Amino acid sequence: MAQIFDLLLKGGTVHLPSGPARVDVGVNAGRIAAIGTSLGDAGETIDCAGLDVLPGVIDSQVHFREPGLEHKEDLESGSRAAVLGGVTAVFEMPNTNPNTDTAERVADKLKRAHHRMWCDHAFYVGATGDNAEQLGELERIPGTAGVKIFMGASTGSLLVAEDEALARVLAHGRRRVAVHCEDEARMNARKDERIEGDPASHPVWRDDESAMMATRRIVKLAREAGRRIHVLHVTTPAELEFLSQHKDVATCEVTPQHLTLAGEDAYPRLGTYAQMNPPIRSAAHREELWHWVGQGVPDVLGSDHAPHTKEEKAKTYPASPSGMPGVQTLVPLLLDHVANGRLTLQRFIDLTSAGPQRIFGLVGKGRIATGYDADFTVVDLKARWTMDADWMASRCGWSPFEGMSVTGRPIGTVVRGHRVMWDNQLANAAVGEPVRFEATEFPGH
């Protein structure tokens, strides 16, 4: 008997766990209720003819700068950029002002986000030397994505650089810990490698070995602590080769920037706008990252969306801050790589939905299956278009990919059955809710 659904997605190519299929998807009460043909009627029907319906894209590393740095970005503007780019959920980082490093500050972010953020969300807790003993409790707060460690200084004041402090952090808690791996002592010793006015010296200063040293150290400490880790924004082939031998304890992430930009072009063309941590490296690095993507080593793809204003980025290197926006351009950039044969659509889905679900233990997200949240990223794989300034929504007002022509466009963003974006038009209201995790829903297990 035909059902009546709240929402029906009709006529698209739907990417199921079993592969692509020309089926309809019925949604009730924010969850997928049925998958098939001739399902019935609905209060709202979305015509997806000629489009591909992907599981909702999850960006597991963004910096939305609120509280304290709202002149760069805030939770509303960052999440608006996310849904305009086809992203249905984000994990937001703790290097705000103040840092997100106590239960009260997590609660404050969750309160600020509720129905002000356009997409679903979770917040990392920042590890410090002072809160190490509390992290086991903090990571169990509903709405937290886990603990984040900065081994090397980046934007903000969060830093845990010494092995003794790192071991204390890893000793408290059970969830997978996300880590920024750059060796602080090596980078401090190499500050003379920076050339004033030359951002191309950034990857010389923060070199391959500073990344590799930190990654080796944290894997060793994680083994000793019996703790799983997640290595963020890996930029060197040597790290990925090393991590391929330690998959039992370590998962890892790559970013669209490091898969798309190369230092030989980026620094002359973009100057300090190409500056980020870890750095954009050479074209040879980029090609080898793609090799390891093909080997299946990276588990997820995160944007490391880290906006600064044009005025801040215009400062003379090295006074200029590191970081660039990326949450809105993640899906178009990767679809362009799909169009160019660098990536299969199946691997794109693995990196942006199935991968985050698997390694972070998400509840009800990461696949199109009955009973799961009705999160969909609807795309036109054949659309050829230019990512112009008018399309960019980040408060920072710029993108390193502005003016780039790509093939593949996000057409719609559906979050728990709410059509929050369609053809560049936003819904009337934000509906973002906290992402649910197995570790916080069932904390005793």
Protein backbone atom coordinates (compact mmCIF):
# COMPACT_ATOMS: atom_id res chain seq x y z
CA MET A 1 0.00 0.00 0.00
CA ALA A 2 1.31 3.44 -0.95
CA GLN A 3 2.47 5.58 1.94
CA ILE A 4 2.21 9.30 2.55
CA PHE A 5 5.63 10.82 3.27
CA ASP A 6 6.73 14.16 4.63
CA LEU A 7 9.27 14.38 1.81
CA LEU A 8 9.94 12.41 -1.34
CA LEU A 9 13.09 12.63 -3.48
CA LYS A 10 12.08 11.37 -6.93
CA GLY A 11 13.84 10.49 -10.16
CA GLY A 12 17.48 10.80 -9.12
CA THR A 13 20.40 8.40 -9.09
CA VAL A 14 20.62 7.51 -5.41
CA HIS A 15 23.95 6.28 -4.02
CA LEU A 16 23.07 3.42 -1.67
CA PRO A 17 25.50 1.19 0.26
CA SER A 18 25.05 -1.32 -2.57
CA GLY A 19 25.85 1.26 -5.25
CA PRO A 20 23.95 3.73 -7.44
CA ALA A 21 20.29 3.00 -8.23
CA ARG A 22 17.45 4.88 -9.93
CA VAL A 23 15.09 4.85 -6.95
CA ASP A 24 13.02 7.27 -4.89
CA VAL A 25 13.58 8.01 -1.22
CA GLY A 26 10.71 8.66 1.20
CA VAL A 27 11.27 10.58 4.43
CA ASN A 28 9.18 10.78 7.59
CA ALA A 29 10.00 12.62 10.82
CA GLY A 30 13.50 13.48 9.61
CA ARG A 31 14.54 9.90 8.85
CA ILE A 32 14.60 7.74 5.75
CA ALA A 33 11.36 5.72 5.78
CA ALA A 34 11.50 3.86 2.46
CA ILE A 35 13.68 3.37 -0.63
CA GLY A 36 12.23 2.08 -3.88
CA THR A 37 9.94 2.93 -6.80
CA SER A 38 6.28 3.96 -6.80
CA LEU A 39 6.51 4.73 -3.10
CA GLY A 40 3.46 6.98 -2.83
CA ASP A 41 2.73 10.64 -2.24
CA ALA A 42 4.33 13.27 -0.05
CA GLY A 43 3.72 16.67 1.48
CA GLU A 44 6.82 17.87 -0.39
CA THR A 45 8.36 16.28 -3.47
CA ILE A 46 11.82 17.15 -4.82
CA ASP A 47 12.42 16.40 -8.50
CA CYS A 48 15.95 14.97 -8.71
CA ALA A 49 15.83 13.97 -12.40
CA GLY A 50 19.31 14.17 -13.89
CA LEU A 51 20.88 14.60 -10.45
CA ASP A 52 22.82 12.34 -8.10
CA VAL A 53 21.67 11.96 -4.50
CA LEU A 54 24.65 11.31 -2.22
CA PRO A 55 24.72 10.61 1.51
CA GLY A 56 25.02 13.93 3.35
CA VAL A 57 28.60 15.20 3.23
CA ILE A 58 30.25 15.52 6.66
CA ASP A 59 33.15 17.97 7.04
CA SER A 60 34.99 16.73 10.12
CA GLN A 61 37.34 19.72 10.49
CA VAL A 62 36.18 23.35 10.44
CA HIS A 63 37.09 26.48 12.42
CA PHE A 64 34.05 28.79 12.68
CA ARG A 65 35.82 31.22 15.09
CA GLU A 66 32.95 31.79 17.55
CA PRO A 67 33.22 32.91 20.31
CA GLY A 68 35.75 35.70 20.29
CA LEU A 69 36.84 35.91 16.65
CA GLU A 70 33.51 36.62 14.96
CA HIS A 71 35.06 39.26 12.69
CA LYS A 72 36.53 36.32 10.74
CA GLU A 73 33.51 33.97 10.89
CA ASP A 74 30.73 32.83 13.20
CA LEU A 75 28.62 29.71 13.61
CA GLU A 76 25.82 31.10 11.43
CA SER A 77 27.97 32.36 8.55
CA GLY A 78 30.26 29.34 8.53
CA SER A 79 27.37 26.89 8.52
CA ARG A 80 25.61 28.92 5.82
CA ALA A 81 28.71 28.52 3.67
CA ALA A 82 28.63 24.79 4.50
CA VAL A 83 25.08 24.15 3.29
CA LEU A 84 25.54 26.33 0.20
CA GLY A 85 28.42 23.97 -0.60
CA GLY A 86 26.40 20.80 0.00
CA VAL A 87 27.71 19.97 3.50
CA THR A 88 25.13 18.59 5.96
CA ALA A 89 27.23 18.31 9.16
CA VAL A 90 30.47 19.75 10.55
CA PHE A 91 32.85 19.09 13.45
CA GLU A 92 34.06 22.46 14.76
CA MET A 93 37.46 23.05 16.34
CA PRO A 94 38.20 24.41 19.85
CA ASN A 95 40.77 27.17 19.17
CA THR A 96 38.33 30.02 19.77
CA ASN A 97 38.57 32.84 22.32
CA PRO A 98 38.16 31.55 24.96
CA ASN A 99 39.27 28.04 24.01
CA THR A 100 36.61 25.31 24.12
CA ASP A 101 38.25 23.41 26.98
CA THR A 102 35.64 23.15 29.76
CA ALA A 103 32.12 21.75 30.08
CA GLU A 104 30.75 25.29 30.40
CA ARG A 105 32.39 26.39 27.15
CA VAL A 106 31.09 23.33 25.29
CA ALA A 107 27.60 24.13 26.60
CA ASP A 108 27.99 27.73 25.47
CA LYS A 109 28.85 26.67 21.92
CA LEU A 110 25.96 24.21 21.76
CA LYS A 111 23.59 26.95 22.95
CA ARG A 112 24.94 29.42 20.38
CA ALA A 113 24.58 26.82 17.61
CA HIS A 114 21.03 25.63 18.26
CA HIS A 115 18.88 26.50 15.22
CA ARG A 116 21.35 29.25 14.38
CA MET A 117 23.62 26.85 12.51
CA TRP A 118 22.24 25.69 9.17
CA CYS A 119 23.78 22.22 9.35
CA ASP A 120 24.16 19.62 12.09
CA HIS A 121 27.26 20.04 14.21
CA ALA A 122 29.60 18.74 16.90
CA PHE A 123 32.33 20.53 18.85
CA TYR A 124 35.81 19.36 19.74
CA VAL A 125 37.19 19.85 23.24
CA GLY A 126 40.69 21.33 23.24
CA ALA A 127 43.35 19.46 25.20
CA THR A 128 45.62 21.51 27.48
CA GLY A 129 48.13 20.75 30.19
CA ASP A 130 45.54 21.90 32.71
CA ASN A 131 42.49 19.87 31.67
CA ALA A 132 44.11 16.50 30.85
CA GLU A 133 42.58 14.76 33.87
CA GLN A 134 39.07 16.03 32.99
CA LEU A 135 39.11 14.98 29.33
CA GLY A 136 37.55 11.58 29.99
CA GLU A 137 34.46 13.37 31.30
CA LEU A 138 34.49 16.20 28.77
CA GLU A 139 34.57 13.86 25.77
CA ARG A 140 31.33 12.21 26.94
CA ILE A 141 29.29 15.42 26.72
CA PRO A 142 26.57 14.98 24.05
CA GLY A 143 27.43 17.13 21.05
CA THR A 144 31.20 16.75 21.44
CA ALA A 145 33.26 15.24 18.61
CA GLY A 146 36.04 14.20 21.00
CA VAL A 147 39.37 15.71 22.02
CA LYS A 148 41.69 17.80 19.81
CA ILE A 149 45.45 18.12 20.40
CA PHE A 150 47.66 20.79 18.82
CA MET A 151 51.23 19.42 18.92
CA GLY A 152 52.45 22.48 17.01
CA ALA A 153 51.31 26.06 17.52
CA SER A 154 48.78 27.32 14.99
CA THR A 155 45.93 29.84 15.30
CA GLY A 156 45.09 30.40 18.96
CA SER A 157 46.76 29.38 22.22
CA LEU A 158 46.05 25.63 22.42
CA LEU A 159 49.33 23.68 22.51
CA VAL A 160 50.40 20.35 24.01
CA ALA A 161 53.96 19.88 22.76
CA GLU A 162 55.86 17.69 25.25
CA ASP A 163 55.65 13.89 25.44
CA GLU A 164 54.83 13.88 29.16
CA ALA A 165 51.84 16.19 28.67
CA LEU A 166 50.70 14.29 25.58
CA ALA A 167 50.81 11.02 27.52
CA ARG A 168 48.63 12.56 30.26
CA VAL A 169 46.07 13.67 27.67
CA LEU A 170 45.99 10.23 26.03
CA ALA A 171 45.65 8.50 29.41
CA HIS A 172 42.25 10.10 30.11
CA GLY A 173 39.32 9.04 27.95
CA ARG A 174 38.43 6.40 25.41
CA ARG A 175 37.36 8.15 22.21
CA ARG A 176 39.57 8.69 19.19
CA VAL A 177 41.72 11.82 19.66
CA ALA A 178 42.26 14.22 16.73
CA VAL A 179 45.80 15.56 16.42
CA HIS A 180 47.51 18.42 14.57
CA CYS A 181 50.96 16.90 13.96
CA GLU A 182 53.78 19.39 13.65
CA ASP A 183 56.80 19.24 15.96
CA GLU A 184 56.93 22.46 18.00
CA ALA A 185 60.58 22.13 19.05
CA ARG A 186 61.77 21.60 15.48
CA MET A 187 59.73 24.52 14.18
CA ASN A 188 61.05 26.80 16.93
CA ALA A 189 64.60 25.80 16.01
CA ARG A 190 63.95 26.52 12.32
CA LYS A 191 62.37 29.98 12.59
CA ASP A 192 65.38 31.47 10.77
CA GLU A 193 64.23 29.56 7.65
CA ARG A 194 61.37 32.06 7.31
CA ILE A 195 62.10 34.81 4.79
CA GLU A 196 60.29 38.05 5.47
CA GLY A 197 57.92 38.85 2.61
CA ASP A 198 58.24 35.37 1.07
CA PRO A 199 55.39 32.99 1.97
CA ALA A 200 57.04 30.35 -0.24
CA SER A 201 59.46 29.90 2.69
CA HIS A 202 56.55 28.66 4.86
CA PRO A 203 56.91 24.98 3.79
CA VAL A 204 60.70 25.30 4.17
CA TRP A 205 60.26 26.37 7.79
CA ARG A 206 57.42 23.95 8.62
CA ASP A 207 59.13 21.19 6.64
CA ASP A 208 58.28 17.56 5.96
CA GLU A 209 60.33 16.37 8.90
CA SER A 210 58.48 18.59 11.40
CA ALA A 211 55.27 16.81 10.36
CA MET A 212 56.84 13.34 10.28
CA MET A 213 58.51 13.72 13.69
CA ALA A 214 55.22 14.66 15.34
CA THR A 215 53.31 11.86 13.63
CA ARG A 216 55.87 9.26 14.72
CA ARG A 217 55.79 10.59 18.28
CA ILE A 218 52.00 10.57 18.63
CA VAL A 219 51.66 7.06 17.16
CA LYS A 220 54.25 5.76 19.65
CA LEU A 221 52.50 7.51 22.56
CA ALA A 222 49.08 6.30 21.40
CA ARG A 223 50.32 2.70 21.33
CA GLU A 224 51.73 3.04 24.82
CA ALA A 225 48.44 4.52 26.06
CA GLY A 226 46.23 2.05 24.16
CA ARG A 227 44.39 5.02 22.63
CA ARG A 228 43.14 5.52 19.08
CA ILE A 229 44.13 8.71 17.29
CA HIS A 230 43.16 10.60 14.13
CA VAL A 231 45.93 12.51 12.33
CA LEU A 232 44.54 15.67 10.74
CA HIS A 233 45.46 17.33 7.41
CA VAL A 234 48.34 15.04 6.41
CA THR A 235 50.58 16.76 3.84
CA THR A 236 53.53 14.44 3.29
CA PRO A 237 53.70 11.09 1.46
CA ALA A 238 56.09 9.75 4.10
CA GLU A 239 53.46 10.23 6.80
CA LEU A 240 50.83 8.38 4.78
CA GLU A 241 53.24 5.51 4.10
CA PHE A 242 54.04 5.37 7.82
CA LEU A 243 50.39 5.58 8.85
CA SER A 244 49.50 2.76 6.44
CA GLN A 245 51.49 0.50 8.78
CA HIS A 246 49.62 1.68 11.88
CA LYS A 247 45.95 1.60 10.87
CA ASP A 248 45.01 -0.33 14.00
CA VAL A 249 45.71 2.74 16.13
CA ALA A 250 45.65 5.69 13.70
CA THR A 251 43.20 7.01 11.13
CA CYS A 252 43.98 10.10 9.06
CA GLU A 253 42.63 12.97 6.98
CA VAL A 254 43.64 14.83 3.84
CA THR A 255 42.27 18.18 2.66
CA PRO A 256 41.02 19.45 -0.71
CA GLN A 257 43.62 22.24 -0.58
CA HIS A 258 46.57 19.86 -0.41
CA LEU A 259 45.05 17.68 -3.16
CA THR A 260 44.42 20.69 -5.43
CA LEU A 261 47.07 23.38 -4.86
CA ALA A 262 50.83 23.14 -5.45
CA GLY A 263 53.38 25.51 -3.96
CA GLU A 264 55.11 26.28 -7.28
CA ASP A 265 51.91 27.96 -8.49
CA ALA A 266 50.09 28.85 -5.27
CA TYR A 267 52.69 31.04 -3.55
CA PRO A 268 53.51 33.23 -6.59
CA ARG A 269 49.80 33.56 -7.46
CA LEU A 270 48.17 33.80 -4.03
CA GLY A 271 50.99 34.94 -1.73
CA THR A 272 49.98 34.80 1.93
CA TYR A 273 46.48 33.68 0.90
CA ALA A 274 48.10 30.27 0.24
CA GLN A 275 49.57 30.16 3.76
CA MET A 276 48.19 27.44 6.04
CA ASN A 277 49.40 24.92 8.64
CA PRO A 278 50.63 22.37 7.69
CA PRO A 279 51.71 24.16 4.50
CA ILE A 280 50.78 23.78 0.87
CA ARG A 281 53.77 21.82 -0.43
CA SER A 282 55.10 20.96 -3.89
CA ALA A 283 53.36 19.48 -6.93
CA ALA A 284 55.37 16.30 -6.28
CA HIS A 285 53.87 16.12 -2.77
CA ARG A 286 50.40 16.62 -4.22
CA GLU A 287 50.82 13.79 -6.72
CA GLU A 288 52.04 11.42 -4.01
CA LEU A 289 49.09 12.33 -1.78
CA TRP A 290 46.85 11.22 -4.64
CA HIS A 291 48.80 7.95 -4.82
CA TRP A 292 47.98 7.23 -1.18
CA VAL A 293 44.34 8.24 -1.67
CA GLY A 294 44.27 5.56 -4.36
CA GLN A 295 45.79 3.11 -1.88
CA GLY A 296 42.88 3.79 0.49
CA VAL A 297 45.02 5.13 3.36
CA PRO A 298 43.24 8.46 4.12
CA ASP A 299 40.00 7.73 5.95
CA VAL A 300 38.27 11.10 5.63
CA LEU A 301 38.48 14.35 3.76
CA GLY A 302 38.07 17.53 5.84
CA SER A 303 38.25 21.12 4.65
CA ASP A 304 40.20 22.58 7.61
CA HIS A 305 38.09 25.70 6.93
CA ALA A 306 40.13 28.35 8.78
CA PRO A 307 39.17 31.89 7.71
CA HIS A 308 41.01 35.14 8.37
CA THR A 309 40.08 38.56 7.02
CA LYS A 310 41.71 40.04 3.93
CA GLU A 311 43.32 42.69 6.14
CA GLU A 312 44.90 40.01 8.31
CA LYS A 313 46.09 37.93 5.36
CA ALA A 314 47.55 41.03 3.68
CA LYS A 315 50.16 41.40 6.43
CA THR A 316 53.75 40.76 5.38
CA TYR A 317 54.87 37.14 5.86
CA PRO A 318 55.50 35.78 8.52
CA ALA A 319 53.28 38.24 10.42
CA SER A 320 50.37 36.99 8.29
CA PRO A 321 48.12 34.31 9.90
CA SER A 322 47.87 30.76 8.54
CA GLY A 323 44.57 29.36 7.28
CA MET A 324 42.07 29.59 4.46
CA PRO A 325 38.31 29.08 4.03
CA GLY A 326 37.24 25.77 2.50
CA VAL A 327 33.93 24.35 3.76
CA GLN A 328 31.93 25.76 0.84
CA THR A 329 34.39 24.63 -1.85
CA LEU A 330 34.99 21.08 -0.53
CA VAL A 331 32.25 19.39 -2.56
CA PRO A 332 32.82 21.28 -5.86
CA LEU A 333 36.59 20.72 -5.75
CA LEU A 334 36.23 17.01 -5.11
CA LEU A 335 33.50 16.60 -7.74
CA ASP A 336 35.87 18.29 -10.20
CA HIS A 337 38.52 15.70 -9.32
CA VAL A 338 35.84 13.03 -9.92
CA ALA A 339 35.09 14.57 -13.34
CA ASN A 340 38.80 14.57 -14.17
CA GLY A 341 39.27 10.93 -13.22
CA ARG A 342 41.42 11.51 -10.12
CA LEU A 343 38.74 10.14 -7.79
CA THR A 344 35.76 7.84 -8.11
CA LEU A 345 32.38 8.97 -6.80
CA GLN A 346 32.39 5.87 -4.59
CA ARG A 347 35.68 6.96 -2.98
CA PHE A 348 34.35 10.52 -2.58
CA ILE A 349 31.38 9.12 -0.62
CA ASP A 350 33.75 6.96 1.42
CA LEU A 351 35.87 9.98 2.38
CA THR A 352 33.01 12.37 3.18
CA SER A 353 30.21 10.28 4.69
CA ALA A 354 30.95 6.57 5.22
CA GLY A 355 34.46 7.32 6.50
CA PRO A 356 33.43 9.85 9.17
CA GLN A 357 30.61 7.52 10.29
CA ARG A 358 33.01 4.60 10.64
CA ILE A 359 35.88 6.25 12.49
CA PHE A 360 33.91 8.61 14.73
CA GLY A 361 30.97 6.29 15.51
CA LEU A 362 28.17 8.52 14.28
CA VAL A 363 24.57 7.54 15.00
CA GLY A 364 22.20 7.61 12.03
CA LYS A 365 24.50 9.35 9.55
CA GLY A 366 26.88 8.46 6.74
CA ARG A 367 24.70 6.34 4.44
CA ILE A 368 21.39 6.31 2.64
CA ALA A 369 19.53 3.51 4.40
CA THR A 370 16.11 3.12 5.96
CA GLY A 371 16.14 4.37 9.56
CA TYR A 372 19.06 6.72 9.04
CA ASP A 373 18.85 10.50 9.20
CA ALA A 374 17.51 11.98 5.94
CA ASP A 375 20.75 13.81 5.11
CA PHE A 376 21.41 14.23 1.38
CA THR A 377 23.89 16.12 -0.78
CA VAL A 378 22.23 16.44 -4.19
CA VAL A 379 24.67 17.18 -7.01
CA ASP A 380 24.81 17.79 -10.74
CA LEU A 381 27.90 15.89 -11.85
CA LYS A 382 27.91 17.46 -15.32
CA ALA A 383 27.42 21.14 -14.43
CA ARG A 384 30.35 23.28 -15.59
CA TRP A 385 30.50 26.53 -13.62
CA THR A 386 32.79 29.07 -11.98
CA MET A 387 33.09 29.55 -8.22
CA ASP A 388 32.83 33.33 -8.19
CA ALA A 389 33.00 35.83 -5.33
CA ASP A 390 29.22 36.33 -5.24
CA TRP A 391 28.73 32.65 -4.41
CA MET A 392 31.10 32.66 -1.41
CA ALA A 393 29.32 33.06 1.93
CA SER A 394 32.19 33.05 4.44
CA ARG A 395 32.46 36.25 6.44
CA CYS A 396 36.17 36.48 5.57
CA GLY A 397 35.18 37.52 2.02
CA TRP A 398 37.69 35.54 -0.03
CA SER A 399 38.68 32.07 -1.22
CA PRO A 400 41.86 30.71 -2.80
CA PHE A 401 39.56 29.04 -5.35
CA GLU A 402 37.63 32.15 -6.35
CA GLY A 403 37.32 32.31 -10.14
CA MET A 404 38.11 28.60 -10.61
CA SER A 405 35.98 26.74 -13.16
CA VAL A 406 34.93 23.25 -12.08
CA THR A 407 32.72 20.39 -13.22
CA GLY A 408 30.22 19.22 -10.61
CA ARG A 409 27.93 21.41 -8.54
CA PRO A 410 26.01 21.00 -5.27
CA ILE A 411 22.34 21.60 -6.12
CA GLY A 412 20.66 20.72 -2.84
CA THR A 413 21.40 20.18 0.84
CA VAL A 414 18.86 18.22 2.89
CA VAL A 415 19.42 17.96 6.67
CA ARG A 416 17.19 15.48 8.54
CA GLY A 417 14.46 15.88 5.94
CA HIS A 418 14.66 19.69 5.79
CA ARG A 419 15.56 21.15 2.41
CA VAL A 420 17.93 23.81 3.76
CA MET A 421 19.42 24.74 0.37
CA TRP A 422 18.24 24.25 -3.20
CA ASP A 423 19.79 25.85 -6.26
CA ASN A 424 21.66 28.41 -4.13
CA GLN A 425 18.51 29.43 -2.23
CA LEU A 426 18.44 28.97 1.54
CA ALA A 427 15.40 27.85 3.54
CA ASN A 428 13.58 30.30 5.79
CA ALA A 429 15.18 29.05 9.00
CA ALA A 430 18.25 27.20 10.24
CA VAL A 431 17.55 23.75 11.71
CA GLY A 432 21.01 22.56 12.88
CA GLU A 433 21.08 20.07 15.76
CA PRO A 434 23.97 18.30 17.54
CA VAL A 435 25.39 15.24 15.81
CA ARG A 436 24.86 12.06 17.82
CA PHE A 437 27.75 9.70 18.62
CA GLU A 438 27.77 6.14 19.91
CA ALA A 439 30.27 7.22 22.58
CA THR A 440 27.92 9.85 24.04
CA GLU A 441 24.61 8.04 23.44
CA PHE A 442 25.96 4.87 25.11
CA PRO A 443 28.81 6.17 27.29
CA GLY A 444 29.24 2.96 29.25
CA HIS A 445 30.16 0.91 26.19
